[in-house]
PDB file of N, CA and C in Angstrom:
ATOM      1  N   UNK A   1       0.862  -1.190   0.002  1.00  0.00           N
ATOM      2  CA  UNK A   1      -0.005   0.004   0.013  1.00  0.00           C
ATOM      3  C   UNK A   1       0.901   1.228   0.004  1.00  0.00           C
ATOM      4  N   UNK A   2       0.707   2.165  -0.947  1.00  0.00           N
ATOM      5  CA  UNK A   2       1.545   3.350  -0.984  1.00  0.00           C
ATOM      6  C   UNK A   2       1.228   4.276   0.199  1.00  0.00           C
ATOM      7  N   UNK A   3       2.251   5.001   0.625  1.00  0.00           N
ATOM      8  CA  UNK A   3       2.089   5.894   1.762  1.00  0.00           C
ATOM      9  C   UNK A   3       1.209   7.089   1.383  1.00  0.00           C
ATOM     10  N   UNK A   4       0.212   7.370   2.190  1.00  0.00           N
ATOM     11  CA  UNK A   4      -0.658   8.521   1.971  1.00  0.00           C
ATOM     12  C   UNK A   4      -0.060   9.726   2.681  1.00  0.00           C
ATOM     13  N   UNK A   5      -0.446  10.919   2.277  1.00  0.00           N
ATOM     14  CA  UNK A   5       0.052  12.091   3.011  1.00  0.00           C
ATOM     15  C   UNK A   5      -0.462  12.079   4.444  1.00  0.00           C
ATOM     16  N   UNK A   6       0.363  12.573   5.362  1.00  0.00           N
ATOM     17  CA  UNK A   6      -0.001  12.584   6.783  1.00  0.00           C
ATOM     18  C   UNK A   6      -1.111  13.602   7.020  1.00  0.00           C
ATOM     19  N   UNK A   7      -2.112  13.186   7.772  1.00  0.00           N
ATOM     20  CA  UNK A   7      -3.188  14.057   8.215  1.00  0.00           C
ATOM     21  C   UNK A   7      -3.102  14.114   9.724  1.00  0.00           C
ATOM     22  N   UNK A   8      -3.097  15.306  10.276  1.00  0.00           N
ATOM     23  CA  UNK A   8      -2.936  15.477  11.730  1.00  0.00           C
ATOM     24  C   UNK A   8      -3.902  14.592  12.495  1.00  0.00           C
ATOM     25  N   UNK A   9      -3.378  13.833  13.461  1.00  0.00           N
ATOM     26  CA  UNK A   9      -4.177  12.990  14.308  1.00  0.00           C
ATOM     27  C   UNK A   9      -4.261  11.544  13.849  1.00  0.00           C
ATOM     28  N   UNK A  10      -3.573  11.179  12.776  1.00  0.00           N
ATOM     29  CA  UNK A  10      -3.625   9.808  12.287  1.00  0.00           C
ATOM     30  C   UNK A  10      -2.397   9.026  12.776  1.00  0.00           C
ATOM     31  N   UNK A  11      -2.444   7.727  12.635  1.00  0.00           N
ATOM     32  CA  UNK A  11      -1.347   6.865  13.076  1.00  0.00           C
ATOM     33  C   UNK A  11      -0.717   6.173  11.859  1.00  0.00           C
ATOM     34  N   UNK A  12       0.421   5.523  12.050  1.00  0.00           N
ATOM     35  CA  UNK A  12       1.173   4.889  10.973  1.00  0.00           C
ATOM     36  C   UNK A  12       0.328   3.965  10.118  1.00  0.00           C
ATOM     37  N   UNK A  13      -0.458   3.136  10.732  1.00  0.00           N
ATOM     38  CA  UNK A  13      -1.272   2.171   9.986  1.00  0.00           C
ATOM     39  C   UNK A  13      -2.244   2.913   9.050  1.00  0.00           C
ATOM     40  N   UNK A  14      -2.734   4.072   9.476  1.00  0.00           N
ATOM     41  CA  UNK A  14      -3.720   4.822   8.681  1.00  0.00           C
ATOM     42  C   UNK A  14      -3.094   5.416   7.432  1.00  0.00           C
ATOM     43  N   UNK A  15      -1.818   5.771   7.488  1.00  0.00           N
ATOM     44  CA  UNK A  15      -1.192   6.436   6.319  1.00  0.00           C
ATOM     45  C   UNK A  15      -0.379   5.462   5.511  1.00  0.00           C
ATOM     46  N   UNK A  16      -0.353   4.191   5.873  1.00  0.00           N
ATOM     47  CA  UNK A  16       0.415   3.187   5.114  1.00  0.00           C
ATOM     48  C   UNK A  16       1.905   3.411   5.234  1.00  0.00           C
ATOM     49  N   UNK A  17       2.398   3.623   6.420  1.00  0.00           N
ATOM     50  CA  UNK A  17       3.803   3.886   6.695  1.00  0.00           C
ATOM     51  C   UNK A  17       4.668   2.800   6.048  1.00  0.00           C
ATOM     52  N   UNK A  18       5.733   3.212   5.361  1.00  0.00           N
ATOM     53  CA  UNK A  18       6.610   2.277   4.698  1.00  0.00           C
ATOM     54  C   UNK A  18       7.304   1.336   5.640  1.00  0.00           C
ATOM     55  N   UNK A  19       7.526   1.730   6.864  1.00  0.00           N
ATOM     56  CA  UNK A  19       8.219   0.887   7.848  1.00  0.00           C
ATOM     57  C   UNK A  19       7.273  -0.034   8.615  1.00  0.00           C
ATOM     58  N   UNK A  20       6.005   0.196   8.515  1.00  0.00           N
ATOM     59  CA  UNK A  20       5.045  -0.569   9.313  1.00  0.00           C
ATOM     60  C   UNK A  20       5.097  -2.065   8.990  1.00  0.00           C
ATOM     61  N   UNK A  21       5.254  -2.419   7.755  1.00  0.00           N
ATOM     62  CA  UNK A  21       5.268  -3.832   7.348  1.00  0.00           C
ATOM     63  C   UNK A  21       6.462  -4.555   7.996  1.00  0.00           C
ATOM     64  N   UNK A  22       7.620  -3.914   8.080  1.00  0.00           N
ATOM     65  CA  UNK A  22       8.796  -4.534   8.695  1.00  0.00           C
ATOM     66  C   UNK A  22       8.612  -4.711  10.190  1.00  0.00           C
ATOM     67  N   UNK A  23       7.762  -3.922  10.805  1.00  0.00           N
ATOM     68  CA  UNK A  23       7.567  -3.965  12.263  1.00  0.00           C
ATOM     69  C   UNK A  23       6.394  -4.850  12.708  1.00  0.00           C
ATOM     70  N   UNK A  24       5.545  -5.278  11.761  1.00  0.00           N
ATOM     71  CA  UNK A  24       4.324  -6.012  12.108  1.00  0.00           C
ATOM     72  C   UNK A  24       4.567  -7.291  12.918  1.00  0.00           C
ATOM     73  N   UNK A  25       5.674  -7.974  12.653  1.00  0.00           N
ATOM     74  CA  UNK A  25       5.937  -9.249  13.338  1.00  0.00           C
ATOM     75  C   UNK A  25       6.522  -9.066  14.725  1.00  0.00           C
ATOM     76  N   UNK A  26       6.901  -7.851  15.068  1.00  0.00           N
ATOM     77  CA  UNK A  26       7.510  -7.584  16.389  1.00  0.00           C
ATOM     78  C   UNK A  26       6.448  -7.256  17.424  1.00  0.00           C
ATOM     79  N   UNK A  27       6.764  -7.479  18.697  1.00  0.00           N
ATOM     80  CA  UNK A  27       5.860  -7.133  19.767  1.00  0.00           C
ATOM     81  C   UNK A  27       6.630  -6.529  20.943  1.00  0.00           C
ATOM     82  N   UNK A  28       5.908  -5.901  21.822  1.00  0.00           N
ATOM     83  CA  UNK A  28       6.441  -5.423  23.072  1.00  0.00           C
ATOM     84  C   UNK A  28       7.592  -4.435  22.929  1.00  0.00           C
ATOM     85  N   UNK A  29       8.584  -4.608  23.773  1.00  0.00           N
ATOM     86  CA  UNK A  29       9.713  -3.680  23.865  1.00  0.00           C
ATOM     87  C   UNK A  29      10.548  -3.679  22.564  1.00  0.00           C
ATOM     88  N   UNK A  30      10.656  -4.851  21.932  1.00  0.00           N
ATOM     89  CA  UNK A  30      11.418  -4.927  20.689  1.00  0.00           C
ATOM     90  C   UNK A  30      10.761  -4.053  19.616  1.00  0.00           C
ATOM     91  N   UNK A  31       9.422  -4.084  19.555  1.00  0.00           N
ATOM     92  CA  UNK A  31       8.677  -3.258  18.588  1.00  0.00           C
ATOM     93  C   UNK A  31       8.939  -1.771  18.850  1.00  0.00           C
ATOM     94  N   UNK A  32       8.832  -1.367  20.102  1.00  0.00           N
ATOM     95  CA  UNK A  32       9.031   0.054  20.463  1.00  0.00           C
ATOM     96  C   UNK A  32      10.439   0.519  20.125  1.00  0.00           C
ATOM     97  N   UNK A  33      11.448  -0.314  20.443  1.00  0.00           N
ATOM     98  CA  UNK A  33      12.849   0.071  20.186  1.00  0.00           C
ATOM     99  C   UNK A  33      13.088   0.255  18.687  1.00  0.00           C
ATOM    100  N   UNK A  34      12.638  -0.707  17.873  1.00  0.00           N
ATOM    101  CA  UNK A  34      12.851  -0.589  16.413  1.00  0.00           C
ATOM    102  C   UNK A  34      12.019   0.528  15.797  1.00  0.00           C
ATOM    103  N   UNK A  35      10.791   0.713  16.294  1.00  0.00           N
ATOM    104  CA  UNK A  35       9.939   1.762  15.797  1.00  0.00           C
ATOM    105  C   UNK A  35      10.530   3.135  16.070  1.00  0.00           C
ATOM    106  N   UNK A  36      11.161   3.265  17.240  1.00  0.00           N
ATOM    107  CA  UNK A  36      11.802   4.545  17.593  1.00  0.00           C
ATOM    108  C   UNK A  36      12.917   4.876  16.618  1.00  0.00           C
ATOM    109  N   UNK A  37      13.631   3.869  16.139  1.00  0.00           N
ATOM    110  CA  UNK A  37      14.704   4.081  15.170  1.00  0.00           C
ATOM    111  C   UNK A  37      14.126   4.323  13.769  1.00  0.00           C
ATOM    112  N   UNK A  38      13.270   3.406  13.295  1.00  0.00           N
ATOM    113  CA  UNK A  38      12.759   3.478  11.942  1.00  0.00           C
ATOM    114  C   UNK A  38      11.884   4.691  11.696  1.00  0.00           C
ATOM    115  N   UNK A  39      11.087   5.079  12.669  1.00  0.00           N
ATOM    116  CA  UNK A  39      10.057   6.087  12.433  1.00  0.00           C
ATOM    117  C   UNK A  39      10.326   7.433  13.127  1.00  0.00           C
ATOM    118  N   UNK A  40      11.561   7.713  13.461  1.00  0.00           N
ATOM    119  CA  UNK A  40      11.845   8.952  14.202  1.00  0.00           C
ATOM    120  C   UNK A  40      11.403  10.204  13.439  1.00  0.00           C
ATOM    121  N   UNK A  41      11.375  10.178  12.112  1.00  0.00           N
ATOM    122  CA  UNK A  41      10.980  11.332  11.306  1.00  0.00           C
ATOM    123  C   UNK A  41       9.514  11.294  10.882  1.00  0.00           C
ATOM    124  N   UNK A  42       8.790  10.223  11.255  1.00  0.00           N
ATOM    125  CA  UNK A  42       7.403  10.045  10.867  1.00  0.00           C
ATOM    126  C   UNK A  42       6.497  10.946  11.732  1.00  0.00           C
ATOM    127  N   UNK A  43       5.661  11.762  11.102  1.00  0.00           N
ATOM    128  CA  UNK A  43       4.770  12.639  11.854  1.00  0.00           C
ATOM    129  C   UNK A  43       3.750  11.838  12.679  1.00  0.00           C
ATOM    130  N   UNK A  44       3.320  10.708  12.183  1.00  0.00           N
ATOM    131  CA  UNK A  44       2.372   9.886  12.936  1.00  0.00           C
ATOM    132  C   UNK A  44       3.013   9.379  14.230  1.00  0.00           C
ATOM    133  N   UNK A  45       4.263   8.940  14.161  1.00  0.00           N
ATOM    134  CA  UNK A  45       4.984   8.460  15.343  1.00  0.00           C
ATOM    135  C   UNK A  45       5.251   9.612  16.309  1.00  0.00           C
ATOM    136  N   UNK A  46       5.583  10.789  15.777  1.00  0.00           N
ATOM    137  CA  UNK A  46       5.796  11.961  16.618  1.00  0.00           C
ATOM    138  C   UNK A  46       4.509  12.332  17.336  1.00  0.00           C
ATOM    139  N   UNK A  47       3.381  12.214  16.636  1.00  0.00           N
ATOM    140  CA  UNK A  47       2.090  12.486  17.259  1.00  0.00           C
ATOM    141  C   UNK A  47       1.810  11.523  18.395  1.00  0.00           C
ATOM    142  N   UNK A  48       2.046  10.256  18.154  1.00  0.00           N
ATOM    143  CA  UNK A  48       1.855   9.229  19.192  1.00  0.00           C
ATOM    144  C   UNK A  48       2.727   9.547  20.417  1.00  0.00           C
ATOM    145  N   UNK A  49       3.975   9.874  20.204  1.00  0.00           N
ATOM    146  CA  UNK A  49       4.869  10.175  21.326  1.00  0.00           C
ATOM    147  C   UNK A  49       4.442  11.440  22.069  1.00  0.00           C
ATOM    148  N   UNK A  50       3.968  12.437  21.313  1.00  0.00           N
ATOM    149  CA  UNK A  50       3.467  13.644  21.951  1.00  0.00           C
ATOM    150  C   UNK A  50       2.290  13.323  22.862  1.00  0.00           C
ATOM    151  N   UNK A  51       1.357  12.486  22.394  1.00  0.00           N
ATOM    152  CA  UNK A  51       0.225  12.062  23.193  1.00  0.00           C
ATOM    153  C   UNK A  51       0.680  11.389  24.489  1.00  0.00           C
ATOM    154  N   UNK A  52       1.636  10.482  24.356  1.00  0.00           N
ATOM    155  CA  UNK A  52       2.149   9.735  25.498  1.00  0.00           C
ATOM    156  C   UNK A  52       2.867  10.647  26.494  1.00  0.00           C
ATOM    157  N   UNK A  53       3.682  11.567  26.014  1.00  0.00           N
ATOM    158  CA  UNK A  53       4.427  12.467  26.871  1.00  0.00           C
ATOM    159  C   UNK A  53       3.510  13.423  27.625  1.00  0.00           C
ATOM    160  N   UNK A  54       2.382  13.779  27.036  1.00  0.00           N
ATOM    161  CA  UNK A  54       1.471  14.738  27.639  1.00  0.00           C
ATOM    162  C   UNK A  54       0.257  14.085  28.313  1.00  0.00           C
ATOM    163  N   UNK A  55       0.301  12.751  28.449  1.00  0.00           N
ATOM    164  CA  UNK A  55      -0.782  11.990  29.084  1.00  0.00           C
ATOM    165  C   UNK A  55      -2.132  12.233  28.420  1.00  0.00           C
ATOM    166  N   UNK A  56      -2.159  12.244  27.095  1.00  0.00           N
ATOM    167  CA  UNK A  56      -3.391  12.402  26.326  1.00  0.00           C
ATOM    168  C   UNK A  56      -3.765  11.059  25.735  1.00  0.00           C
ATOM    169  N   UNK A  57      -5.033  10.878  25.447  1.00  0.00           N
ATOM    170  CA  UNK A  57      -5.541   9.685  24.780  1.00  0.00           C
ATOM    171  C   UNK A  57      -6.445  10.120  23.647  1.00  0.00           C
ATOM    172  N   UNK A  58      -6.500   9.291  22.590  1.00  0.00           N
ATOM    173  CA  UNK A  58      -7.432   9.517  21.495  1.00  0.00           C
ATOM    174  C   UNK A  58      -8.647   8.684  21.805  1.00  0.00           C
ATOM    175  N   UNK A  59      -9.810   9.326  21.840  1.00  0.00           N
ATOM    176  CA  UNK A  59     -11.044   8.648  22.172  1.00  0.00           C
ATOM    177  C   UNK A  59     -11.958   8.673  20.964  1.00  0.00           C
ATOM    178  N   UNK A  60     -12.464   7.522  20.619  1.00  0.00           N
ATOM    179  CA  UNK A  60     -13.393   7.445  19.491  1.00  0.00           C
ATOM    180  C   UNK A  60     -14.781   7.769  19.996  1.00  0.00           C
ATOM    181  N   UNK A  61     -15.430   8.727  19.386  1.00  0.00           N
ATOM    182  CA  UNK A  61     -16.763   9.108  19.822  1.00  0.00           C
ATOM    183  C   UNK A  61     -17.816   8.224  19.160  1.00  0.00           C
ATOM    184  N   UNK A  62     -18.884   8.018  19.879  1.00  0.00           N
ATOM    185  CA  UNK A  62     -20.007   7.236  19.348  1.00  0.00           C
ATOM    186  C   UNK A  62     -21.018   8.180  18.733  1.00  0.00           C
ATOM    187  N   UNK A  63     -21.808   7.711  17.789  1.00  0.00           N
ATOM    188  CA  UNK A  63     -22.853   8.570  17.220  1.00  0.00           C
ATOM    189  C   UNK A  63     -23.878   8.934  18.283  1.00  0.00           C
ATOM    190  N   UNK A  64     -24.471  10.102  18.133  1.00  0.00           N
ATOM    191  CA  UNK A  64     -25.490  10.580  19.081  1.00  0.00           C
ATOM    192  C   UNK A  64     -26.678   9.613  19.069  1.00  0.00           C
ATOM    193  N   UNK A  65     -27.181   9.290  20.260  1.00  0.00           N
ATOM    194  CA  UNK A  65     -28.400   8.485  20.364  1.00  0.00           C
ATOM    195  C   UNK A  65     -29.165   8.989  21.570  1.00  0.00           C
ATOM    196  N   UNK A  66     -30.445   8.777  21.532  1.00  0.00           N
ATOM    197  CA  UNK A  66     -31.304   9.248  22.616  1.00  0.00           C
ATOM    198  C   UNK A  66     -31.046   8.413  23.883  1.00  0.00           C
ATOM    199  N   UNK A  67     -31.453   8.970  25.010  1.00  0.00           N
ATOM    200  CA  UNK A  67     -31.299   8.273  26.296  1.00  0.00           C
ATOM    201  C   UNK A  67     -32.103   6.957  26.293  1.00  0.00           C
ATOM    202  N   UNK A  68     -33.297   6.963  25.663  1.00  0.00           N
ATOM    203  CA  UNK A  68     -34.086   5.739  25.594  1.00  0.00           C
ATOM    204  C   UNK A  68     -33.361   4.672  24.773  1.00  0.00           C
ATOM    205  N   UNK A  69     -32.804   5.071  23.674  1.00  0.00           N
ATOM    206  CA  UNK A  69     -32.089   4.109  22.815  1.00  0.00           C
ATOM    207  C   UNK A  69     -30.867   3.563  23.530  1.00  0.00           C
ATOM    208  N   UNK A  70     -30.142   4.448  24.228  1.00  0.00           N
ATOM    209  CA  UNK A  70     -28.988   4.006  25.009  1.00  0.00           C
ATOM    210  C   UNK A  70     -29.390   3.029  26.106  1.00  0.00           C
ATOM    211  N   UNK A  71     -30.483   3.322  26.807  1.00  0.00           N
ATOM    212  CA  UNK A  71     -30.997   2.426  27.853  1.00  0.00           C
ATOM    213  C   UNK A  71     -31.339   1.044  27.268  1.00  0.00           C
ATOM    214  N   UNK A  72     -31.958   1.033  26.104  1.00  0.00           N
ATOM    215  CA  UNK A  72     -32.304  -0.241  25.458  1.00  0.00           C
ATOM    216  C   UNK A  72     -31.034  -1.014  25.100  1.00  0.00           C
ATOM    217  N   UNK A  73     -30.036  -0.316  24.581  1.00  0.00           N
ATOM    218  CA  UNK A  73     -28.775  -1.001  24.239  1.00  0.00           C
ATOM    219  C   UNK A  73     -28.086  -1.547  25.488  1.00  0.00           C
ATOM    220  N   UNK A  74     -28.104  -0.784  26.559  1.00  0.00           N
ATOM    221  CA  UNK A  74     -27.496  -1.238  27.829  1.00  0.00           C
ATOM    222  C   UNK A  74     -28.159  -2.522  28.305  1.00  0.00           C
ATOM    223  N   UNK A  75     -29.482  -2.585  28.186  1.00  0.00           N
ATOM    224  CA  UNK A  75     -30.219  -3.775  28.631  1.00  0.00           C
ATOM    225  C   UNK A  75     -30.188  -4.890  27.592  1.00  0.00           C
ATOM    226  N   UNK A  76     -29.620  -4.658  26.417  1.00  0.00           N
ATOM    227  CA  UNK A  76     -29.528  -5.684  25.398  1.00  0.00           C
ATOM    228  C   UNK A  76     -30.832  -5.917  24.658  1.00  0.00           C
ATOM    229  N   UNK A  77     -31.641  -4.864  24.543  1.00  0.00           N
ATOM    230  CA  UNK A  77     -32.959  -4.966  23.905  1.00  0.00           C
ATOM    231  C   UNK A  77     -32.929  -4.158  22.627  1.00  0.00           C
ATOM    232  N   UNK A  78     -33.664  -4.631  21.627  1.00  0.00           N
ATOM    233  CA  UNK A  78     -33.796  -3.896  20.379  1.00  0.00           C
ATOM    234  C   UNK A  78     -34.596  -2.614  20.675  1.00  0.00           C
ATOM    235  N   UNK A  79     -34.041  -1.414  20.394  1.00  0.00           N
ATOM    236  CA  UNK A  79     -34.731  -0.169  20.692  1.00  0.00           C
ATOM    237  C   UNK A  79     -36.099  -0.037  20.021  1.00  0.00           C
ATOM    238  N   UNK A  80     -36.296  -0.646  18.878  1.00  0.00           N
ATOM    239  CA  UNK A  80     -37.557  -0.573  18.162  1.00  0.00           C
ATOM    240  C   UNK A  80     -38.658  -1.265  18.959  1.00  0.00           C
ATOM    241  N   UNK A  81     -38.316  -2.366  19.635  1.00  0.00           N
ATOM    242  CA  UNK A  81     -39.304  -3.158  20.391  1.00  0.00           C
ATOM    243  C   UNK A  81     -39.787  -2.429  21.643  1.00  0.00           C
ATOM    244  N   UNK A  82     -39.029  -1.473  22.135  1.00  0.00           N
ATOM    245  CA  UNK A  82     -39.414  -0.796  23.382  1.00  0.00           C
ATOM    246  C   UNK A  82     -39.639   0.706  23.181  1.00  0.00           C
ATOM    247  N   UNK A  83     -39.944   1.087  21.928  1.00  0.00           N
ATOM    248  CA  UNK A  83     -40.111   2.513  21.674  1.00  0.00           C
ATOM    249  C   UNK A  83     -41.293   3.151  22.391  1.00  0.00           C
ATOM    250  N   UNK A  84     -42.263   2.365  22.837  1.00  0.00           N
ATOM    251  CA  UNK A  84     -43.435   2.874  23.556  1.00  0.00           C
ATOM    252  C   UNK A  84     -43.179   2.993  25.058  1.00  0.00           C
ATOM    253  N   UNK A  85     -42.073   2.462  25.540  1.00  0.00           N
ATOM    254  CA  UNK A  85     -41.788   2.501  26.986  1.00  0.00           C
ATOM    255  C   UNK A  85     -40.957   3.731  27.340  1.00  0.00           C
ATOM    256  N   UNK A  86     -41.015   4.113  28.609  1.00  0.00           N
ATOM    257  CA  UNK A  86     -40.169   5.192  29.086  1.00  0.00           C
ATOM    258  C   UNK A  86     -38.779   4.645  29.360  1.00  0.00           C
ATOM    259  N   UNK A  87     -37.818   5.544  29.576  1.00  0.00           N
ATOM    260  CA  UNK A  87     -36.472   5.120  29.890  1.00  0.00           C
ATOM    261  C   UNK A  87     -36.421   4.304  31.186  1.00  0.00           C
ATOM    262  N   UNK A  88     -37.187   4.725  32.222  1.00  0.00           N
ATOM    263  CA  UNK A  88     -37.224   4.018  33.480  1.00  0.00           C
ATOM    264  C   UNK A  88     -37.798   2.593  33.299  1.00  0.00           C
ATOM    265  N   UNK A  89     -38.837   2.495  32.480  1.00  0.00           N
ATOM    266  CA  UNK A  89     -39.440   1.200  32.228  1.00  0.00           C
ATOM    267  C   UNK A  89     -38.450   0.261  31.496  1.00  0.00           C
ATOM    268  N   UNK A  90     -37.705   0.804  30.588  1.00  0.00           N
ATOM    269  CA  UNK A  90     -36.714   0.003  29.870  1.00  0.00           C
ATOM    270  C   UNK A  90     -35.656  -0.518  30.847  1.00  0.00           C
ATOM    271  N   UNK A  91     -35.188   0.363  31.715  1.00  0.00           N
ATOM    272  CA  UNK A  91     -34.150  -0.016  32.655  1.00  0.00           C
ATOM    273  C   UNK A  91     -34.640  -1.021  33.703  1.00  0.00           C
ATOM    274  N   UNK A  92     -35.941  -1.057  33.937  1.00  0.00           N
ATOM    275  CA  UNK A  92     -36.522  -2.013  34.916  1.00  0.00           C
ATOM    276  C   UNK A  92     -36.700  -3.405  34.311  1.00  0.00           C
ATOM    277  N   UNK A  93     -36.644  -3.544  33.007  1.00  0.00           N
ATOM    278  CA  UNK A  93     -36.823  -4.852  32.368  1.00  0.00           C
ATOM    279  C   UNK A  93     -35.734  -5.821  32.746  1.00  0.00           C
TER     280      UNK A  93
END
């Protein structure tokens, strides 16, 4: 896969980093050590290190849903089947 231009906030896998394939078989400390050498100029790696140094995390947001729909999902119920119930009634099921 050819390398895509870096977009702020993306990671190596997302841009098709040329070094990523050589690192895929490695794990743990060995992966980090080699990645530090191979990817020192990579903006995606620099972004990851910046996040780590500043105690930040990337959080994936979920699509907006109503409280009733969320309650139904929490209880493992299809939201369509309980659309006539209140949120409290759904949570009591």
